[in-house]
Every structure is written in C-alpha cells, then in structure tokens.
Amino acid sequence: MTYEIKFPTTGNIVEVRLNGALSFETFRDMNVELYYGPEWQTGMNMLAILERGTDVSAIDSKVLRTEFKAELERMTEVRGPEFKVAWVAEDAHNLPILRLWQSMPFVLGVFDIEIFADRDSGRNWLEGFEADWPELRRPA
C-alpha cells in the first residue's frame, strides 16, 4: 500500500502515512478515501508523513501546476475552511517537492501548510489548532 489513513478517536488530526513510489494518482485516490469516507468531518486537519524511502520522482513542477492544482480546487470545498496540513519528510531529499508545493501561488491562502523533519514537530504544530467542536471530541 502506498498510503495509510488513521482517523483519530478524539480530536481533529488525521494522520496519513505515504510510502513507496508516489504519483498524482496516489494522492487522488487517497483524497477520495479521506474526504469522501464516512469518518471525515469539517474541522479536521492532516498530518501527512512521507516515510523513509518514499519516491516522489514522478511528481514535478508541471504535475503540481496541472493535476495537483485541479485536485486542490476540487477538494477545497469538501475539506472545509481553516484546513491545515503538517507535511513531514523523513528523508531530506523529499523536502524540495514539499517546499515547491507550499510555494505555489494557488496554494497560498487556500490552506495552511508547514513542513517538518519529524512527526512530533508536525503534530505539535497541529495541536495548536485543536478543535473545540464537541463533535470532534467524541470517540469515533
């Protein structure tokens, strides 16, 4: 499997772990499962981890500007307002593609992205935006 989604039992941080050779199709399929599944609620944020050994070489600036841009536009309304993503690159060689995505003009202002080298730092950042909505506090 190239991705695994873990919904929280309480709180609003969904953890996604990605590994292997990733492509746009990986992210499109993940988005369908994540945002159209029964567990997604508006107000959730995402901790996305590119695990060690993950290969993102199939994703370049052209793919980001075309396929990923269209996907971002399609998903914006589904995710809801105030959406935040903490990206974690366990391998430093994956940082450039995350920084490129973060800097795309169509990403700026649509949702907040921060990039981290480890899971705990990313989770700590997201916990600063933990939801107070009762429906996100109940056990799943």
N, C-alpha and C. Protein backbone atom coordinates (compact mmCIF):
# COMPACT_ATOMS: atom_id res chain seq x y z
N MET A 1 0.85 -1.19 0.00
CA MET A 1 0.00 0.00 0.00
C MET A 1 0.89 1.24 0.00
N THR A 2 0.52 2.26 -0.76
CA THR A 2 1.32 3.47 -0.80
C THR A 2 0.86 4.53 0.19
N TYR A 3 -0.32 4.32 0.79
CA TYR A 3 -0.75 5.24 1.84
C TYR A 3 -1.59 4.50 2.87
N GLU A 4 -1.61 5.08 4.06
CA GLU A 4 -2.44 4.57 5.15
C GLU A 4 -3.04 5.77 5.85
N ILE A 5 -4.34 5.73 6.10
CA ILE A 5 -5.05 6.83 6.75
C ILE A 5 -5.48 6.37 8.13
N LYS A 6 -5.15 7.18 9.15
CA LYS A 6 -5.57 6.88 10.52
C LYS A 6 -6.40 8.05 11.04
N PHE A 7 -7.70 7.80 11.19
CA PHE A 7 -8.57 8.82 11.76
C PHE A 7 -8.46 8.78 13.28
N PRO A 8 -8.57 9.94 13.91
CA PRO A 8 -8.45 9.98 15.37
C PRO A 8 -9.71 9.46 16.06
N THR A 9 -9.53 8.91 17.25
CA THR A 9 -10.70 8.54 18.04
C THR A 9 -11.27 9.78 18.74
N THR A 10 -10.42 10.74 19.04
CA THR A 10 -10.85 12.05 19.53
C THR A 10 -9.94 13.09 18.89
N GLY A 11 -10.38 14.34 18.91
CA GLY A 11 -9.56 15.40 18.34
C GLY A 11 -9.79 15.54 16.85
N ASN A 12 -8.92 16.32 16.19
CA ASN A 12 -9.17 16.65 14.79
C ASN A 12 -7.95 16.45 13.89
N ILE A 13 -7.00 15.60 14.28
CA ILE A 13 -5.81 15.39 13.46
C ILE A 13 -5.88 14.00 12.82
N VAL A 14 -5.97 13.99 11.50
CA VAL A 14 -5.94 12.76 10.72
C VAL A 14 -4.49 12.54 10.31
N GLU A 15 -3.97 11.34 10.55
CA GLU A 15 -2.60 11.03 10.17
C GLU A 15 -2.60 10.18 8.90
N VAL A 16 -1.81 10.63 7.91
CA VAL A 16 -1.67 9.91 6.66
C VAL A 16 -0.20 9.58 6.49
N ARG A 17 0.10 8.31 6.26
CA ARG A 17 1.48 7.87 6.02
C ARG A 17 1.58 7.42 4.58
N LEU A 18 2.55 7.99 3.86
CA LEU A 18 2.76 7.67 2.46
C LEU A 18 4.12 7.03 2.29
N ASN A 19 4.19 6.03 1.40
CA ASN A 19 5.47 5.36 1.17
C ASN A 19 5.48 4.76 -0.23
N GLY A 20 6.65 4.30 -0.64
CA GLY A 20 6.79 3.71 -1.97
C GLY A 20 6.89 4.77 -3.04
N ALA A 21 6.58 4.38 -4.26
CA ALA A 21 6.62 5.29 -5.41
C ALA A 21 5.27 6.01 -5.49
N LEU A 22 5.28 7.31 -5.30
CA LEU A 22 4.05 8.09 -5.30
C LEU A 22 3.86 8.80 -6.63
N SER A 23 2.61 8.95 -7.00
CA SER A 23 2.25 9.67 -8.22
C SER A 23 1.02 10.53 -7.91
N PHE A 24 0.61 11.31 -8.89
CA PHE A 24 -0.60 12.09 -8.71
C PHE A 24 -1.78 11.17 -8.39
N GLU A 25 -1.85 10.01 -9.07
CA GLU A 25 -2.96 9.08 -8.86
C GLU A 25 -3.02 8.59 -7.42
N THR A 26 -1.86 8.43 -6.80
CA THR A 26 -1.84 8.04 -5.37
C THR A 26 -2.59 9.07 -4.54
N PHE A 27 -2.28 10.34 -4.77
CA PHE A 27 -2.91 11.41 -3.99
C PHE A 27 -4.39 11.55 -4.32
N ARG A 28 -4.75 11.39 -5.58
CA ARG A 28 -6.16 11.47 -5.97
C ARG A 28 -6.95 10.37 -5.27
N ASP A 29 -6.45 9.14 -5.30
CA ASP A 29 -7.14 8.02 -4.64
C ASP A 29 -7.22 8.22 -3.14
N MET A 30 -6.13 8.72 -2.55
CA MET A 30 -6.12 8.99 -1.11
C MET A 30 -7.16 10.04 -0.75
N ASN A 31 -7.25 11.10 -1.56
CA ASN A 31 -8.23 12.16 -1.30
C ASN A 31 -9.66 11.63 -1.33
N VAL A 32 -9.96 10.77 -2.26
CA VAL A 32 -11.30 10.19 -2.34
C VAL A 32 -11.61 9.41 -1.06
N GLU A 33 -10.69 8.56 -0.64
CA GLU A 33 -10.90 7.76 0.57
C GLU A 33 -10.96 8.65 1.82
N LEU A 34 -10.12 9.65 1.86
CA LEU A 34 -10.03 10.52 3.03
C LEU A 34 -11.24 11.42 3.16
N TYR A 35 -11.53 12.20 2.13
CA TYR A 35 -12.54 13.25 2.25
C TYR A 35 -13.97 12.80 1.94
N TYR A 36 -14.13 11.70 1.22
CA TYR A 36 -15.48 11.23 0.90
C TYR A 36 -15.88 10.03 1.73
N GLY A 37 -15.00 9.59 2.62
CA GLY A 37 -15.32 8.48 3.50
C GLY A 37 -16.20 8.94 4.66
N PRO A 38 -16.75 8.01 5.40
CA PRO A 38 -17.70 8.34 6.46
C PRO A 38 -17.07 9.00 7.69
N GLU A 39 -15.75 8.94 7.83
CA GLU A 39 -15.12 9.46 9.05
C GLU A 39 -14.69 10.92 8.94
N TRP A 40 -14.62 11.47 7.74
CA TRP A 40 -14.17 12.85 7.58
C TRP A 40 -15.22 13.82 8.11
N GLN A 41 -14.73 14.82 8.85
CA GLN A 41 -15.58 15.90 9.34
C GLN A 41 -14.91 17.22 9.07
N THR A 42 -15.69 18.22 8.70
CA THR A 42 -15.15 19.56 8.54
C THR A 42 -14.50 19.97 9.86
N GLY A 43 -13.35 20.58 9.79
CA GLY A 43 -12.63 20.98 11.00
C GLY A 43 -11.45 20.09 11.31
N MET A 44 -11.32 18.99 10.57
CA MET A 44 -10.16 18.12 10.76
C MET A 44 -8.96 18.71 10.01
N ASN A 45 -7.78 18.42 10.52
CA ASN A 45 -6.52 18.80 9.88
C ASN A 45 -5.72 17.53 9.63
N MET A 46 -4.65 17.65 8.82
CA MET A 46 -3.93 16.46 8.41
C MET A 46 -2.45 16.54 8.73
N LEU A 47 -1.95 15.44 9.29
CA LEU A 47 -0.53 15.20 9.49
C LEU A 47 -0.14 14.20 8.41
N ALA A 48 0.60 14.66 7.40
CA ALA A 48 0.97 13.83 6.25
C ALA A 48 2.46 13.52 6.32
N ILE A 49 2.78 12.24 6.36
CA ILE A 49 4.17 11.82 6.55
C ILE A 49 4.67 11.08 5.32
N LEU A 50 5.72 11.63 4.70
CA LEU A 50 6.42 10.92 3.63
C LEU A 50 7.48 10.07 4.32
N GLU A 51 7.23 8.78 4.41
CA GLU A 51 8.13 7.89 5.15
C GLU A 51 9.48 7.73 4.44
N ARG A 52 10.46 7.25 5.21
CA ARG A 52 11.78 6.96 4.64
C ARG A 52 11.64 6.06 3.42
N GLY A 53 12.40 6.38 2.39
CA GLY A 53 12.38 5.57 1.19
C GLY A 53 11.29 5.92 0.20
N THR A 54 10.45 6.90 0.53
CA THR A 54 9.38 7.31 -0.37
C THR A 54 9.98 7.97 -1.61
N ASP A 55 9.45 7.61 -2.77
CA ASP A 55 9.94 8.13 -4.04
C ASP A 55 8.89 9.06 -4.63
N VAL A 56 9.21 10.34 -4.73
CA VAL A 56 8.28 11.31 -5.31
C VAL A 56 8.77 11.81 -6.68
N SER A 57 9.65 11.05 -7.31
CA SER A 57 10.25 11.49 -8.58
C SER A 57 9.23 11.63 -9.71
N ALA A 58 8.06 11.01 -9.60
CA ALA A 58 7.03 11.15 -10.64
C ALA A 58 6.28 12.46 -10.52
N ILE A 59 6.56 13.22 -9.48
CA ILE A 59 5.87 14.50 -9.25
C ILE A 59 6.89 15.62 -9.47
N ASP A 60 6.58 16.50 -10.42
CA ASP A 60 7.45 17.63 -10.69
C ASP A 60 6.61 18.90 -10.72
N SER A 61 7.23 20.02 -11.05
CA SER A 61 6.50 21.30 -11.00
C SER A 61 5.34 21.32 -12.00
N LYS A 62 5.50 20.69 -13.16
CA LYS A 62 4.40 20.66 -14.13
C LYS A 62 3.20 19.88 -13.58
N VAL A 63 3.45 18.73 -12.97
CA VAL A 63 2.38 17.93 -12.37
C VAL A 63 1.70 18.71 -11.25
N LEU A 64 2.50 19.43 -10.46
CA LEU A 64 1.92 20.23 -9.37
C LEU A 64 1.02 21.33 -9.94
N ARG A 65 1.48 22.00 -11.01
CA ARG A 65 0.72 23.12 -11.59
C ARG A 65 -0.52 22.67 -12.36
N THR A 66 -0.59 21.42 -12.76
CA THR A 66 -1.74 20.96 -13.54
C THR A 66 -2.63 20.03 -12.72
N GLU A 67 -2.23 18.78 -12.59
CA GLU A 67 -3.09 17.80 -11.91
C GLU A 67 -3.35 18.16 -10.44
N PHE A 68 -2.29 18.52 -9.72
CA PHE A 68 -2.46 18.83 -8.30
C PHE A 68 -3.28 20.10 -8.11
N LYS A 69 -3.09 21.08 -8.97
CA LYS A 69 -3.88 22.31 -8.88
C LYS A 69 -5.37 22.01 -9.05
N ALA A 70 -5.70 21.21 -10.07
CA ALA A 70 -7.11 20.86 -10.30
C ALA A 70 -7.67 20.09 -9.11
N GLU A 71 -6.87 19.18 -8.55
CA GLU A 71 -7.32 18.42 -7.37
C GLU A 71 -7.53 19.32 -6.17
N LEU A 72 -6.63 20.27 -5.97
CA LEU A 72 -6.76 21.23 -4.87
C LEU A 72 -8.07 22.01 -5.00
N GLU A 73 -8.36 22.47 -6.19
CA GLU A 73 -9.60 23.22 -6.41
C GLU A 73 -10.82 22.36 -6.15
N ARG A 74 -10.77 21.10 -6.55
CA ARG A 74 -11.89 20.18 -6.34
C ARG A 74 -12.11 19.88 -4.86
N MET A 75 -11.02 19.80 -4.10
CA MET A 75 -11.11 19.37 -2.70
C MET A 75 -11.34 20.53 -1.72
N THR A 76 -11.12 21.75 -2.14
CA THR A 76 -11.20 22.88 -1.21
C THR A 76 -12.53 22.94 -0.47
N GLU A 77 -13.61 22.83 -1.19
CA GLU A 77 -14.92 22.92 -0.55
C GLU A 77 -15.22 21.71 0.32
N VAL A 78 -14.77 20.55 -0.09
CA VAL A 78 -15.02 19.32 0.67
C VAL A 78 -14.31 19.36 2.02
N ARG A 79 -13.08 19.86 2.04
CA ARG A 79 -12.29 19.86 3.27
C ARG A 79 -12.83 20.84 4.29
N GLY A 80 -13.37 21.93 3.84
CA GLY A 80 -13.86 22.93 4.76
C GLY A 80 -12.84 24.04 5.00
N PRO A 81 -13.27 25.09 5.67
CA PRO A 81 -12.39 26.24 5.92
C PRO A 81 -11.34 25.93 6.99
N GLU A 82 -10.33 26.75 7.00
CA GLU A 82 -9.29 26.68 8.05
C GLU A 82 -8.51 25.38 8.04
N PHE A 83 -8.40 24.73 6.90
CA PHE A 83 -7.71 23.45 6.80
C PHE A 83 -6.20 23.65 6.92
N LYS A 84 -5.56 22.77 7.70
CA LYS A 84 -4.12 22.84 7.92
C LYS A 84 -3.49 21.49 7.65
N VAL A 85 -2.28 21.53 7.07
CA VAL A 85 -1.54 20.31 6.79
C VAL A 85 -0.12 20.47 7.30
N ALA A 86 0.31 19.53 8.12
CA ALA A 86 1.71 19.44 8.54
C ALA A 86 2.33 18.32 7.70
N TRP A 87 3.23 18.68 6.80
CA TRP A 87 3.95 17.69 5.99
C TRP A 87 5.24 17.33 6.69
N VAL A 88 5.53 16.06 6.77
CA VAL A 88 6.76 15.56 7.38
C VAL A 88 7.53 14.79 6.32
N ALA A 89 8.78 15.18 6.10
CA ALA A 89 9.65 14.46 5.17
C ALA A 89 10.71 13.75 5.99
N GLU A 90 10.56 12.43 6.13
CA GLU A 90 11.54 11.66 6.89
C GLU A 90 12.88 11.58 6.16
N ASP A 91 12.88 11.74 4.84
CA ASP A 91 14.11 11.84 4.04
C ASP A 91 14.24 13.27 3.53
N ALA A 92 15.37 13.88 3.78
CA ALA A 92 15.58 15.27 3.38
C ALA A 92 15.46 15.48 1.87
N HIS A 93 15.73 14.45 1.08
CA HIS A 93 15.64 14.63 -0.38
C HIS A 93 14.20 14.87 -0.85
N ASN A 94 13.21 14.67 0.00
CA ASN A 94 11.82 14.94 -0.36
C ASN A 94 11.38 16.36 0.02
N LEU A 95 12.23 17.08 0.72
CA LEU A 95 11.87 18.45 1.13
C LEU A 95 11.64 19.39 -0.05
N PRO A 96 12.45 19.35 -1.12
CA PRO A 96 12.24 20.30 -2.21
C PRO A 96 10.84 20.23 -2.85
N ILE A 97 10.29 19.05 -3.05
CA ILE A 97 8.97 18.97 -3.66
C ILE A 97 7.90 19.51 -2.72
N LEU A 98 8.06 19.29 -1.42
CA LEU A 98 7.10 19.84 -0.45
C LEU A 98 7.20 21.37 -0.41
N ARG A 99 8.40 21.88 -0.45
CA ARG A 99 8.57 23.35 -0.45
C ARG A 99 8.02 23.97 -1.73
N LEU A 100 8.21 23.28 -2.85
CA LEU A 100 7.66 23.76 -4.11
C LEU A 100 6.14 23.82 -4.04
N TRP A 101 5.52 22.76 -3.53
CA TRP A 101 4.05 22.72 -3.37
C TRP A 101 3.59 23.86 -2.46
N GLN A 102 4.29 24.02 -1.35
CA GLN A 102 3.93 25.06 -0.38
C GLN A 102 3.99 26.45 -1.01
N SER A 103 4.90 26.66 -1.95
CA SER A 103 5.10 27.99 -2.53
C SER A 103 4.22 28.27 -3.75
N MET A 104 3.47 27.31 -4.23
CA MET A 104 2.63 27.53 -5.41
C MET A 104 1.59 28.61 -5.11
N PRO A 105 1.45 29.59 -6.01
CA PRO A 105 0.52 30.70 -5.75
C PRO A 105 -0.91 30.26 -5.48
N PHE A 106 -1.37 29.20 -6.12
CA PHE A 106 -2.75 28.75 -5.93
C PHE A 106 -2.94 28.01 -4.62
N VAL A 107 -1.85 27.66 -3.93
CA VAL A 107 -1.93 27.01 -2.62
C VAL A 107 -2.01 28.07 -1.52
N LEU A 108 -1.26 29.15 -1.72
CA LEU A 108 -1.21 30.22 -0.72
C LEU A 108 -2.61 30.77 -0.47
N GLY A 109 -3.00 30.79 0.77
CA GLY A 109 -4.30 31.32 1.15
C GLY A 109 -5.44 30.31 1.11
N VAL A 110 -5.25 29.16 0.45
CA VAL A 110 -6.31 28.16 0.39
C VAL A 110 -6.30 27.32 1.65
N PHE A 111 -5.11 26.94 2.11
CA PHE A 111 -4.95 26.26 3.38
C PHE A 111 -3.54 26.48 3.87
N ASP A 112 -3.32 26.24 5.16
CA ASP A 112 -2.00 26.45 5.75
C ASP A 112 -1.19 25.17 5.67
N ILE A 113 0.05 25.31 5.21
CA ILE A 113 0.97 24.17 5.13
C ILE A 113 2.25 24.56 5.85
N GLU A 114 2.72 23.65 6.67
CA GLU A 114 4.05 23.78 7.27
C GLU A 114 4.77 22.46 7.02
N ILE A 115 6.09 22.53 6.94
CA ILE A 115 6.91 21.36 6.63
C ILE A 115 7.84 21.08 7.80
N PHE A 116 7.93 19.79 8.15
CA PHE A 116 8.72 19.38 9.31
C PHE A 116 9.60 18.18 8.96
N ALA A 117 10.63 17.98 9.77
CA ALA A 117 11.53 16.84 9.57
C ALA A 117 11.13 15.64 10.42
N ASP A 118 10.21 15.85 11.39
CA ASP A 118 9.80 14.72 12.22
C ASP A 118 8.32 14.84 12.60
N ARG A 119 7.74 13.70 12.89
CA ARG A 119 6.31 13.57 13.18
C ARG A 119 5.90 14.41 14.39
N ASP A 120 6.68 14.35 15.47
CA ASP A 120 6.30 15.06 16.69
C ASP A 120 6.20 16.56 16.48
N SER A 121 7.13 17.13 15.72
CA SER A 121 7.07 18.58 15.45
C SER A 121 5.82 18.94 14.66
N GLY A 122 5.50 18.14 13.66
CA GLY A 122 4.29 18.38 12.88
C GLY A 122 3.03 18.25 13.71
N ARG A 123 2.96 17.22 14.54
CA ARG A 123 1.80 17.02 15.40
C ARG A 123 1.67 18.17 16.40
N ASN A 124 2.77 18.59 16.99
CA ASN A 124 2.73 19.71 17.94
C ASN A 124 2.17 20.97 17.29
N TRP A 125 2.57 21.24 16.05
CA TRP A 125 2.06 22.42 15.35
C TRP A 125 0.55 22.31 15.17
N LEU A 126 0.08 21.15 14.73
CA LEU A 126 -1.35 20.97 14.51
C LEU A 126 -2.15 21.02 15.80
N GLU A 127 -1.58 20.54 16.89
CA GLU A 127 -2.29 20.58 18.17
C GLU A 127 -2.58 22.00 18.61
N GLY A 128 -1.84 22.97 18.10
CA GLY A 128 -2.13 24.36 18.39
C GLY A 128 -3.44 24.82 17.78
N PHE A 129 -4.00 24.03 16.87
CA PHE A 129 -5.26 24.36 16.21
C PHE A 129 -6.34 23.33 16.55
N GLU A 130 -6.15 22.64 17.66
CA GLU A 130 -7.10 21.59 18.03
C GLU A 130 -8.50 22.18 18.15
N ALA A 131 -9.45 21.47 17.58
CA ALA A 131 -10.84 21.96 17.55
C ALA A 131 -11.51 21.83 18.90
N ASP A 132 -12.38 22.80 19.20
CA ASP A 132 -13.18 22.69 20.41
C ASP A 132 -14.57 22.17 20.10
N TRP A 133 -14.85 21.87 18.85
CA TRP A 133 -16.19 21.43 18.50
C TRP A 133 -16.48 20.09 19.15
N PRO A 134 -17.59 19.99 19.87
CA PRO A 134 -17.93 18.75 20.58
C PRO A 134 -17.95 17.52 19.67
N GLU A 135 -18.41 17.69 18.43
CA GLU A 135 -18.49 16.53 17.54
C GLU A 135 -17.11 15.97 17.18
N LEU A 136 -16.06 16.77 17.34
CA LEU A 136 -14.71 16.27 17.08
C LEU A 136 -14.05 15.76 18.35
N ARG A 137 -14.68 15.90 19.47
CA ARG A 137 -14.13 15.43 20.73
C ARG A 137 -14.65 14.06 21.12
N ARG A 138 -15.75 13.65 20.53
CA ARG A 138 -16.36 12.36 20.90
C ARG A 138 -15.55 11.20 20.32
N PRO A 139 -15.55 10.08 21.00
CA PRO A 139 -14.89 8.89 20.44
C PRO A 139 -15.56 8.48 19.13
N ALA A 140 -14.75 8.03 18.19
CA ALA A 140 -15.30 7.61 16.88
C ALA A 140 -16.06 6.32 17.03
